[in-house]
Amino acid sequence: MDPVVVLVFCLSSLLLLSLWRQSSVRRKLPPGPTPLPIIGNMLYLGVKNMKTSLNNFSKVYGPVFTVYFGMKPVVVLYGYEAVKEALIDMGEEFSGRGTLPLVKRVNKGHGIILSNGKRWKETRRFSLMTLRNFGMGKRSIEDRVQEEARCLVEELRKTNASPCDPTFILGCAPCNVICSIIFQNRFDYKDQNFLSLMEKFRENIRIQNSLWIQICNTLPFLFDYFPGIHKTLFKNFADIKSYMLGKIKEHQESLDVNNPRDFIDCFLIKMEQEKHIQQSEFTIENLVNTARDLFVAGTETTSTTLRYGLLLLLKHPEVTAKVQEEIDHVVGRHRSPCMQDKSRMPYTDAVVHEIQRYIDLVPNNVPHAVTCDIKFRNYLIPKGTIIFPSLTSVLHDEKEFPNPKMFDPGHFLDECGNFKKSDYFMPFSTGKRICVGEGLARMELFLFLTTILQNFNLKSVVDPKDLDITPALSASISLLPSYRICFIPV
């Protein structure tokens, strides 16, 4: 048979299968824009600025609607009420993690962030317990953060008030805190292994948010048959895994089961305890991926928030001045800020919250999935369907936060200037999949920012009015524009 005829027949069959599958599934799911065969709604979604596209769809289809990434349906939850109803009121049913082809290739269902079922529950429970035992939320971890804040100040002094890109230095500080928990010790800011590891993580985040990776996730055969930046991504993941395995081997050789030094030691001890249990979730593969997950979650999100926060403070010097005035009044110049200070610093607390609200770091959340067939607002959602709970729609709700596109610490202050909590504050998500390191991240953001502003005045290299604070367009994370800053010792 003519190869051209065979090709046409195969493509036609694929097209008809796509149309049949989409029509049968769509009858049960919430409404949404009509998908095209094979590529779904990818042309309408505007992959580089997806949150704008989803906002426009919500105005047409309401707070619960369906979009298609290729042939895969994704149910979007838009607005506080829909997100709360799903992630809190029906938390168990919506506690699954939606996985993409790239994720499956990299972690094979291991780790804490992107795993599911029994593995996720056991790994999360163990990780939370271990992190708490090593001080997360306690005074001991606060001491580590304060010590790292002092190291950060010393590194910033070395810039000699000259213009600098703060990306690297602000990445080192939170990275070292999580390293002290996972690997026992921190790294010197000049350590080459440390620098290489951080660069691979940063490069991977850039690549994962590229248009090419979004296309490959829709048409996964591209990963195997086409060249592209995904090759660099896979190599970086392999190098990171090799580094983690080296650290684990070092720990195995010096392990004292009666005196665990860090997270890796605790995991190895748990592995030994369960070595006779068939299908135990505590394996070397799961340890590698869990350690990597904790490293990424404890580094990139916090460092990006810090960098974006300083950019916003450069843009709004009047806000910076008020924070420094509060620091002078409550903390002074002769001791380090501590978490006990926060209750007496409502304006600073409001600024930290507003930074997180405004930057909307993970607009569509990390994808969820339903764990069983469920009925949600009169729609039938099949088990395994991917869910996008839009955090943008909650953090930028106009009723809760007037002028949500404006940076305004007043969003978290009452009429008397006291700090005002909000149920809409969900930068760490909510429900059963809420970020494991939320407590540590909150502590780091408050202590690092207050320590920096206690020791330095911030100076922009351009007029603050000309600073661009618009996030770079991205599919899944808000990437701030690059900028330079001067840290002027006070």
Protein backbone atom coordinates (compact mmCIF):
# COMPACT_ATOMS: atom_id res chain seq x y z
CA MET A 1 0.00 0.00 0.00
CA ASP A 2 1.21 3.52 -0.81
CA PRO A 3 2.93 5.02 2.31
CA VAL A 4 1.10 8.32 1.68
CA VAL A 5 -2.25 6.53 1.80
CA VAL A 6 -1.25 4.78 5.03
CA LEU A 7 -0.21 8.11 6.56
CA VAL A 8 -3.46 9.80 5.54
CA PHE A 9 -5.47 6.86 6.88
CA CYS A 10 -3.64 6.95 10.24
CA LEU A 11 -4.05 10.71 10.63
CA SER A 12 -7.73 10.49 9.72
CA SER A 13 -8.28 7.70 12.23
CA LEU A 14 -6.49 9.72 14.92
CA LEU A 15 -8.62 12.75 14.11
CA LEU A 16 -11.87 10.77 14.29
CA LEU A 17 -10.80 9.10 17.54
CA SER A 18 -9.97 12.51 19.00
CA LEU A 19 -13.37 13.91 18.00
CA TRP A 20 -15.22 10.89 19.41
CA ARG A 21 -13.36 10.92 22.72
CA GLN A 22 -13.80 14.65 23.20
CA SER A 23 -17.52 14.57 22.42
CA SER A 24 -18.22 11.65 24.78
CA VAL A 25 -16.26 13.14 27.65
CA ARG A 26 -17.50 16.71 27.15
CA ARG A 27 -21.13 15.72 27.68
CA LYS A 28 -20.40 15.04 31.36
CA LEU A 29 -17.92 17.84 32.15
CA PRO A 30 -18.55 21.53 32.92
CA PRO A 31 -19.00 23.78 29.85
CA GLY A 32 -16.11 25.48 28.12
CA PRO A 33 -14.76 26.62 24.78
CA THR A 34 -15.08 24.10 21.95
CA PRO A 35 -11.75 22.25 21.56
CA LEU A 36 -10.10 21.65 18.22
CA PRO A 37 -9.11 18.07 17.34
CA ILE A 38 -5.77 16.95 18.79
CA ILE A 39 -4.62 20.42 19.99
CA GLY A 40 -7.72 21.18 22.07
CA ASN A 41 -7.92 24.82 23.26
CA MET A 42 -4.18 25.50 23.09
CA LEU A 43 -4.62 28.25 20.47
CA TYR A 44 -7.12 30.11 22.66
CA LEU A 45 -5.38 29.65 25.98
CA GLY A 46 -2.44 31.87 25.20
CA VAL A 47 0.07 29.61 26.93
CA LYS A 48 2.37 32.51 27.80
CA ASN A 49 -0.34 34.42 29.62
CA MET A 50 -2.77 31.72 30.60
CA LYS A 51 -4.22 33.49 33.63
CA THR A 52 -5.64 36.24 31.40
CA SER A 53 -7.21 33.64 29.11
CA LEU A 54 -8.76 31.77 32.04
CA ASN A 55 -10.13 35.03 33.44
CA ASN A 56 -11.81 35.74 30.10
CA PHE A 57 -13.27 32.21 29.95
CA SER A 58 -14.67 32.57 33.49
CA LYS A 59 -16.69 35.59 32.37
CA VAL A 60 -18.33 33.47 29.67
CA TYR A 61 -18.69 30.05 31.33
CA GLY A 62 -18.81 30.87 35.05
CA PRO A 63 -16.68 29.71 38.01
CA VAL A 64 -16.38 26.07 36.89
CA PHE A 65 -15.42 25.35 33.28
CA THR A 66 -13.42 22.96 31.13
CA VAL A 67 -10.52 23.62 28.79
CA TYR A 68 -8.53 21.10 26.78
CA PHE A 69 -4.76 20.75 26.71
CA GLY A 70 -4.48 18.67 23.58
CA MET A 71 -6.98 15.85 24.09
CA LYS A 72 -6.82 16.05 27.90
CA PRO A 73 -9.64 17.92 29.68
CA VAL A 74 -8.79 20.24 32.57
CA VAL A 75 -11.49 21.57 34.89
CA VAL A 76 -10.78 25.13 36.08
CA LEU A 77 -12.12 26.39 39.41
CA TYR A 78 -12.38 30.18 39.34
CA GLY A 79 -13.09 32.31 42.41
CA TYR A 80 -12.84 31.85 46.17
CA GLU A 81 -16.12 29.98 46.62
CA ALA A 82 -15.37 27.32 43.99
CA VAL A 83 -11.76 26.85 45.18
CA LYS A 84 -12.81 26.61 48.84
CA GLU A 85 -15.66 24.21 48.10
CA ALA A 86 -13.30 21.88 46.25
CA LEU A 87 -10.02 22.04 48.17
CA ILE A 88 -11.43 22.47 51.70
CA ASP A 89 -15.05 21.24 51.81
CA MET A 90 -14.29 18.30 49.47
CA GLY A 91 -10.59 18.13 50.28
CA GLU A 92 -10.15 14.36 50.05
CA GLU A 93 -11.87 14.06 46.67
CA PHE A 94 -9.73 16.89 45.22
CA SER A 95 -6.46 15.83 46.90
CA GLY A 96 -5.02 14.04 43.87
CA ARG A 97 -2.12 15.52 41.95
CA GLY A 98 -2.50 16.08 38.24
CA THR A 99 0.55 14.84 36.38
CA LEU A 100 1.92 15.84 33.01
CA PRO A 101 4.03 13.72 30.63
CA LEU A 102 7.19 15.65 31.58
CA VAL A 103 6.59 15.00 35.28
CA LYS A 104 6.03 11.29 34.72
CA ARG A 105 9.35 10.99 32.92
CA VAL A 106 11.28 12.84 35.61
CA ASN A 107 9.91 11.59 38.93
CA LYS A 108 8.01 8.41 37.95
CA GLY A 109 5.41 9.16 40.62
CA HIS A 110 7.89 9.57 43.50
CA GLY A 111 8.49 12.46 45.88
CA ILE A 112 6.09 14.60 47.86
CA ILE A 113 4.88 17.35 45.51
CA LEU A 114 3.74 15.32 42.51
CA SER A 115 3.00 11.85 43.93
CA ASN A 116 -0.41 10.35 44.60
CA GLY A 117 -2.29 7.86 46.76
CA LYS A 118 -0.59 5.86 49.50
CA ARG A 119 2.89 7.01 48.47
CA TRP A 120 1.94 10.68 48.74
CA LYS A 121 0.18 10.27 52.09
CA GLU A 122 3.01 8.32 53.72
CA THR A 123 5.76 10.53 52.28
CA ARG A 124 3.97 13.75 53.27
CA ARG A 125 3.23 12.51 56.80
CA PHE A 126 6.84 11.40 57.30
CA SER A 127 8.26 14.64 55.84
CA LEU A 128 6.07 16.86 58.01
CA MET A 129 6.99 14.94 61.15
CA THR A 130 10.71 14.99 60.31
CA LEU A 131 10.74 18.68 59.44
CA ARG A 132 9.04 19.48 62.74
CA ASN A 133 11.52 17.31 64.63
CA PHE A 134 14.31 19.34 63.04
CA GLY A 135 12.72 22.55 64.19
CA MET A 136 10.32 23.78 61.52
CA GLY A 137 8.00 26.21 63.30
CA LYS A 138 10.20 26.16 66.40
CA ARG A 139 12.85 28.39 67.90
CA SER A 140 15.68 26.15 66.65
CA ILE A 141 14.86 26.73 62.98
CA GLU A 142 14.38 30.43 63.68
CA ASP A 143 17.97 30.52 64.95
CA ARG A 144 19.11 29.00 61.64
CA VAL A 145 17.16 31.55 59.61
CA GLN A 146 18.54 34.43 61.71
CA GLU A 147 22.09 33.14 61.27
CA GLU A 148 21.57 32.87 57.50
CA ALA A 149 20.10 36.38 57.48
CA ARG A 150 23.31 37.66 59.07
CA CYS A 151 25.36 35.81 56.41
CA LEU A 152 23.13 37.37 53.76
CA VAL A 153 23.79 40.86 55.14
CA GLU A 154 27.55 40.24 55.02
CA GLU A 155 27.32 39.15 51.37
CA LEU A 156 25.27 42.22 50.50
CA ARG A 157 27.87 44.45 52.16
CA LYS A 158 30.45 43.00 49.78
CA THR A 159 28.60 44.65 46.88
CA ASN A 160 29.94 47.98 48.24
CA ALA A 161 26.68 49.74 47.42
CA SER A 162 27.29 49.14 43.71
CA PRO A 163 24.46 48.15 41.35
CA CYS A 164 23.96 44.39 41.37
CA ASP A 165 21.55 41.71 40.23
CA PRO A 166 20.32 40.19 43.53
CA THR A 167 19.21 36.87 42.01
CA PHE A 168 22.14 34.76 43.14
CA ILE A 169 22.59 36.15 46.66
CA LEU A 170 18.88 36.04 47.48
CA GLY A 171 18.76 32.48 46.16
CA CYS A 172 21.58 31.32 48.43
CA ALA A 173 19.94 32.33 51.71
CA PRO A 174 16.75 30.21 51.63
CA CYS A 175 18.66 27.46 49.85
CA ASN A 176 21.11 27.20 52.75
CA VAL A 177 18.31 26.99 55.29
CA ILE A 178 16.75 23.99 53.56
CA CYS A 179 20.21 22.48 52.93
CA SER A 180 20.90 22.56 56.67
CA ILE A 181 17.74 20.49 57.19
CA ILE A 182 18.29 18.01 54.32
CA PHE A 183 22.12 17.76 54.26
CA GLN A 184 22.92 18.91 57.83
CA ASN A 185 25.20 21.77 56.83
CA ARG A 186 25.02 24.99 54.87
CA PHE A 187 27.27 25.87 51.95
CA ASP A 188 29.63 28.75 51.44
CA TYR A 189 28.27 31.18 48.83
CA LYS A 190 31.37 30.49 46.72
CA ASP A 191 31.12 26.67 46.85
CA GLN A 192 31.25 25.44 43.24
CA ASN A 193 29.02 22.39 43.81
CA PHE A 194 26.49 24.66 45.47
CA LEU A 195 26.62 27.15 42.60
CA SER A 196 26.26 24.43 39.98
CA LEU A 197 23.30 22.83 41.76
CA MET A 198 21.46 26.13 42.12
CA GLU A 199 22.04 27.02 38.47
CA LYS A 200 20.61 23.69 37.29
CA PHE A 201 17.48 24.22 39.38
CA ARG A 202 17.05 27.78 38.06
CA GLU A 203 17.62 26.69 34.46
CA ASN A 204 15.06 23.89 34.84
CA ILE A 205 12.41 26.31 36.08
CA ARG A 206 13.05 28.58 33.09
CA ILE A 207 12.82 25.63 30.69
CA GLN A 208 9.70 24.15 32.30
CA ASN A 209 7.89 27.46 31.80
CA SER A 210 8.82 27.69 28.12
CA LEU A 211 6.30 27.43 25.31
CA TRP A 212 8.14 24.41 23.88
CA ILE A 213 7.64 22.36 27.06
CA GLN A 214 3.93 23.23 27.13
CA ILE A 215 3.64 22.00 23.55
CA CYS A 216 5.55 18.80 24.39
CA ASN A 217 3.27 18.15 27.36
CA THR A 218 0.35 18.34 24.94
CA LEU A 219 2.07 16.17 22.31
CA PRO A 220 4.46 14.03 24.40
CA PHE A 221 5.89 12.07 21.46
CA LEU A 222 7.89 15.24 20.72
CA PHE A 223 10.07 14.46 23.76
CA ASP A 224 11.40 11.34 22.01
CA TYR A 225 11.61 12.30 18.37
CA PHE A 226 12.53 15.99 18.26
CA PRO A 227 15.54 17.95 19.51
CA GLY A 228 14.95 20.87 21.86
CA ILE A 229 15.60 22.37 25.27
CA HIS A 230 13.87 19.40 26.91
CA LYS A 231 17.14 17.53 26.37
CA THR A 232 18.90 20.05 28.61
CA LEU A 233 16.12 19.69 31.15
CA PHE A 234 16.48 15.90 31.31
CA LYS A 235 20.28 16.17 31.59
CA ASN A 236 19.96 18.64 34.48
CA PHE A 237 17.55 16.33 36.28
CA ALA A 238 19.99 13.44 35.79
CA ASP A 239 22.86 15.55 37.20
CA ILE A 240 20.75 16.61 40.19
CA LYS A 241 19.81 12.98 40.83
CA SER A 242 23.48 11.99 40.67
CA TYR A 243 24.36 14.70 43.20
CA MET A 244 21.58 13.57 45.55
CA LEU A 245 22.69 9.93 45.27
CA GLY A 246 26.23 10.98 46.18
CA LYS A 247 24.98 12.74 49.29
CA ILE A 248 22.85 9.74 50.22
CA LYS A 249 25.85 7.40 49.85
CA GLU A 250 27.91 9.62 52.15
CA HIS A 251 25.11 9.48 54.71
CA GLN A 252 24.84 5.69 54.43
CA GLU A 253 28.55 5.31 55.17
CA SER A 254 28.44 7.47 58.31
CA LEU A 255 24.89 6.76 59.54
CA ASP A 256 24.28 6.49 63.29
CA VAL A 257 20.72 5.22 63.77
CA ASN A 258 20.70 6.57 67.32
CA ASN A 259 21.73 10.06 66.28
CA PRO A 260 20.10 11.20 63.01
CA ARG A 261 21.68 14.41 61.75
CA ASP A 262 19.22 15.52 59.08
CA PHE A 263 16.32 14.56 56.82
CA ILE A 264 18.36 12.06 54.78
CA ASP A 265 19.44 10.20 57.92
CA CYS A 266 15.83 9.98 59.13
CA PHE A 267 14.67 8.64 55.76
CA LEU A 268 17.46 6.02 55.70
CA ILE A 269 16.50 4.88 59.20
CA LYS A 270 12.87 4.58 58.09
CA MET A 271 14.02 2.53 55.09
CA GLU A 272 15.86 0.14 57.40
CA GLN A 273 12.80 -0.18 59.63
CA GLU A 274 10.61 -1.08 56.65
CA LYS A 275 13.06 -3.22 54.68
CA HIS A 276 10.95 -6.34 55.26
CA ILE A 277 7.71 -4.65 54.18
CA GLN A 278 6.77 -5.45 50.62
CA GLN A 279 6.05 -2.39 48.47
CA SER A 280 7.33 0.00 51.14
CA GLU A 281 7.25 3.61 49.97
CA PHE A 282 10.59 4.30 51.65
CA THR A 283 13.08 3.60 48.89
CA ILE A 284 16.19 5.28 47.53
CA GLU A 285 14.21 6.47 44.48
CA ASN A 286 11.60 8.09 46.69
CA LEU A 287 14.30 9.63 48.91
CA VAL A 288 16.04 11.20 45.90
CA ASN A 289 12.81 12.74 44.62
CA THR A 290 11.56 13.84 48.06
CA ALA A 291 14.86 15.54 48.88
CA ARG A 292 14.79 17.26 45.49
CA ASP A 293 11.19 18.37 46.04
CA LEU A 294 12.04 19.85 49.44
CA PHE A 295 15.09 21.56 47.95
CA VAL A 296 13.10 23.15 45.13
CA ALA A 297 10.12 24.09 47.31
CA GLY A 298 12.40 25.51 49.98
CA THR A 299 14.52 27.55 47.59
CA GLU A 300 12.98 28.85 44.39
CA THR A 301 9.59 30.06 45.60
CA THR A 302 11.04 31.90 48.60
CA SER A 303 13.96 33.42 46.70
CA THR A 304 11.70 34.55 43.85
CA THR A 305 9.31 36.15 46.37
CA LEU A 306 12.22 37.92 48.06
CA ARG A 307 13.53 39.29 44.76
CA TYR A 308 10.08 40.37 43.64
CA GLY A 309 9.47 41.91 47.07
CA LEU A 310 12.60 44.07 46.83
CA LEU A 311 11.59 45.17 43.34
CA LEU A 312 8.18 46.27 44.67
CA LEU A 313 9.86 48.11 47.54
CA LEU A 314 12.11 49.90 45.03
CA LYS A 315 9.00 50.89 43.08
CA HIS A 316 7.28 52.13 46.25
CA PRO A 317 9.89 53.93 48.40
CA GLU A 318 7.14 55.34 50.62
CA VAL A 319 6.26 51.78 51.67
CA THR A 320 9.93 50.98 52.31
CA ALA A 321 10.25 54.06 54.52
CA LYS A 322 7.25 53.02 56.65
CA VAL A 323 8.64 49.51 57.11
CA GLN A 324 12.04 50.87 58.16
CA GLU A 325 10.36 53.25 60.58
CA GLU A 326 8.53 50.32 62.17
CA ILE A 327 11.77 48.29 62.34
CA ASP A 328 13.54 51.18 64.08
CA HIS A 329 10.70 51.52 66.57
CA VAL A 330 10.23 47.83 67.42
CA VAL A 331 13.62 46.19 66.77
CA GLY A 332 16.17 48.98 66.70
CA ARG A 333 19.66 48.64 65.26
CA HIS A 334 21.43 46.51 67.85
CA ARG A 335 19.75 43.11 67.62
CA SER A 336 18.41 40.85 64.90
CA PRO A 337 14.68 40.81 64.12
CA CYS A 338 12.83 37.77 65.50
CA MET A 339 9.40 36.25 64.97
CA GLN A 340 8.13 37.66 68.27
CA ASP A 341 8.51 41.12 66.72
CA LYS A 342 5.94 40.36 64.04
CA SER A 343 2.90 40.85 66.29
CA ARG A 344 4.12 44.40 67.03
CA MET A 345 4.87 45.17 63.37
CA PRO A 346 1.45 45.14 61.65
CA TYR A 347 2.53 47.30 58.72
CA THR A 348 5.56 45.12 57.92
CA ASP A 349 3.41 42.01 58.25
CA ALA A 350 0.89 43.55 55.86
CA VAL A 351 3.66 44.38 53.36
CA VAL A 352 4.96 40.79 53.35
CA HIS A 353 1.42 39.48 52.78
CA GLU A 354 0.75 42.04 50.05
CA ILE A 355 3.97 41.08 48.25
CA GLN A 356 2.80 37.47 48.11
CA ARG A 357 -0.73 38.44 47.10
CA TYR A 358 0.35 40.88 44.41
CA ILE A 359 2.97 38.73 42.69
CA ASP A 360 0.59 35.74 42.44
CA LEU A 361 3.58 33.41 42.15
CA VAL A 362 1.77 30.23 41.03
CA PRO A 363 -1.35 31.57 39.24
CA ASN A 364 -3.07 28.24 38.53
CA ASN A 365 -1.75 26.35 41.55
CA VAL A 366 0.12 23.08 41.11
CA PRO A 367 -2.43 20.95 39.21
CA HIS A 368 -4.78 18.83 41.32
CA ALA A 369 -6.80 15.79 40.25
CA VAL A 370 -9.97 14.18 41.57
CA THR A 371 -9.40 10.86 43.35
CA CYS A 372 -12.77 9.34 42.36
CA ASP A 373 -15.76 10.00 40.15
CA ILE A 374 -17.54 12.94 41.80
CA LYS A 375 -20.50 15.22 41.35
CA PHE A 376 -19.47 18.86 41.76
CA ARG A 377 -22.03 21.63 41.29
CA ASN A 378 -24.22 19.30 39.23
CA TYR A 379 -21.35 18.33 36.93
CA LEU A 380 -19.90 14.81 36.74
CA ILE A 381 -16.11 14.85 36.94
CA PRO A 382 -14.44 11.46 36.23
CA LYS A 383 -11.68 10.09 38.46
CA GLY A 384 -8.24 11.35 37.44
CA THR A 385 -9.47 14.55 35.76
CA ILE A 386 -6.93 17.33 36.18
CA ILE A 387 -8.10 20.36 38.17
CA PHE A 388 -6.73 23.91 37.99
CA PRO A 389 -7.79 25.77 41.17
CA SER A 390 -7.04 29.35 40.10
CA LEU A 391 -5.13 31.14 42.86
CA THR A 392 -5.17 34.31 40.76
CA SER A 393 -8.95 34.44 41.05
CA VAL A 394 -8.68 34.30 44.86
CA LEU A 395 -5.64 36.52 45.47
CA HIS A 396 -6.94 39.16 43.03
CA ASP A 397 -10.60 39.07 44.03
CA GLU A 398 -11.96 42.60 43.64
CA LYS A 399 -14.44 42.37 46.51
CA GLU A 400 -11.86 41.20 49.04
CA PHE A 401 -8.97 43.30 47.69
CA PRO A 402 -10.12 46.61 46.16
CA ASN A 403 -7.91 47.52 43.18
CA PRO A 404 -6.26 44.06 43.19
CA LYS A 405 -3.79 45.02 40.45
CA MET A 406 -2.37 47.75 42.69
CA PHE A 407 0.34 47.03 45.28
CA ASP A 408 -1.30 48.23 48.49
CA PRO A 409 -0.39 46.96 52.00
CA GLY A 410 -3.72 48.45 53.11
CA HIS A 411 -5.34 45.28 51.79
CA PHE A 412 -4.18 43.64 55.04
CA LEU A 413 -4.78 46.53 57.48
CA ASP A 414 -7.99 47.58 59.24
CA GLU A 415 -9.14 51.15 59.91
CA CYS A 416 -6.95 51.33 63.03
CA GLY A 417 -3.78 50.14 61.28
CA ASN A 418 -3.92 46.66 62.81
CA PHE A 419 -3.05 43.61 60.73
CA LYS A 420 -6.15 42.08 59.12
CA LYS A 421 -6.27 38.40 58.20
CA SER A 422 -8.01 37.23 55.05
CA ASP A 423 -9.36 33.79 54.13
CA TYR A 424 -8.53 34.73 50.53
CA PHE A 425 -4.79 34.71 51.25
CA MET A 426 -3.77 31.43 49.58
CA PRO A 427 -0.30 31.83 48.06
CA PHE A 428 0.62 28.41 49.50
CA SER A 429 -2.62 26.86 48.20
CA THR A 430 -5.06 25.39 50.74
CA GLY A 431 -6.55 22.10 51.84
CA LYS A 432 -4.77 18.75 51.98
CA ARG A 433 -2.18 19.76 49.38
CA ILE A 434 -1.14 23.00 51.07
CA CYS A 435 2.62 23.58 50.87
CA VAL A 436 4.54 21.48 53.43
CA GLY A 437 7.02 24.30 54.01
CA GLU A 438 4.51 27.12 54.49
CA GLY A 439 5.61 27.85 58.07
CA LEU A 440 9.29 27.96 57.12
CA ALA A 441 8.64 30.17 54.08
CA ARG A 442 6.60 32.67 56.12
CA MET A 443 9.40 32.85 58.69
CA GLU A 444 12.09 33.33 56.06
CA LEU A 445 10.23 36.07 54.20
CA PHE A 446 9.63 38.08 57.37
CA LEU A 447 13.13 37.66 58.84
CA PHE A 448 15.11 38.08 55.61
CA LEU A 449 13.21 41.18 54.48
CA THR A 450 13.28 42.89 57.88
CA THR A 451 16.98 42.11 58.36
CA ILE A 452 17.82 43.53 54.92
CA LEU A 453 15.82 46.72 55.56
CA GLN A 454 17.32 47.05 59.05
CA ASN A 455 20.80 47.16 57.55
CA PHE A 456 20.36 48.78 54.14
CA ASN A 457 18.57 51.48 52.24
CA LEU A 458 17.47 50.37 48.81
CA LYS A 459 18.37 52.41 45.76
CA SER A 460 17.20 51.87 42.20
CA VAL A 461 19.52 52.50 39.25
CA VAL A 462 16.60 54.12 37.40
CA ASP A 463 13.78 56.40 38.51
CA PRO A 464 11.31 54.25 40.54
CA LYS A 465 8.53 55.50 38.26
CA ASP A 466 10.29 53.79 35.33
CA LEU A 467 10.72 50.40 37.04
CA ASP A 468 8.86 47.57 35.32
CA ILE A 469 7.13 45.34 37.88
CA THR A 470 5.07 43.36 35.36
CA PRO A 471 5.80 39.62 35.61
CA ALA A 472 7.33 38.01 32.55
CA LEU A 473 4.73 35.99 30.65
CA SER A 474 4.71 32.38 31.76
CA ALA A 475 2.46 29.34 31.72
CA SER A 476 2.68 28.26 35.35
CA ILE A 477 4.75 30.69 37.43
CA SER A 478 5.13 34.46 37.63
CA LEU A 479 8.69 35.26 36.53
CA LEU A 480 9.73 38.73 37.57
CA PRO A 481 11.67 41.02 35.19
CA SER A 482 15.40 41.34 35.80
CA TYR A 483 16.61 44.44 37.59
CA ARG A 484 19.62 45.92 39.39
CA ILE A 485 19.67 47.36 42.88
CA CYS A 486 22.06 49.12 45.23
CA PHE A 487 22.21 48.11 48.89
CA ILE A 488 23.32 51.23 50.78
CA PRO A 489 24.49 50.44 54.36
CA VAL A 490 22.64 52.52 56.97
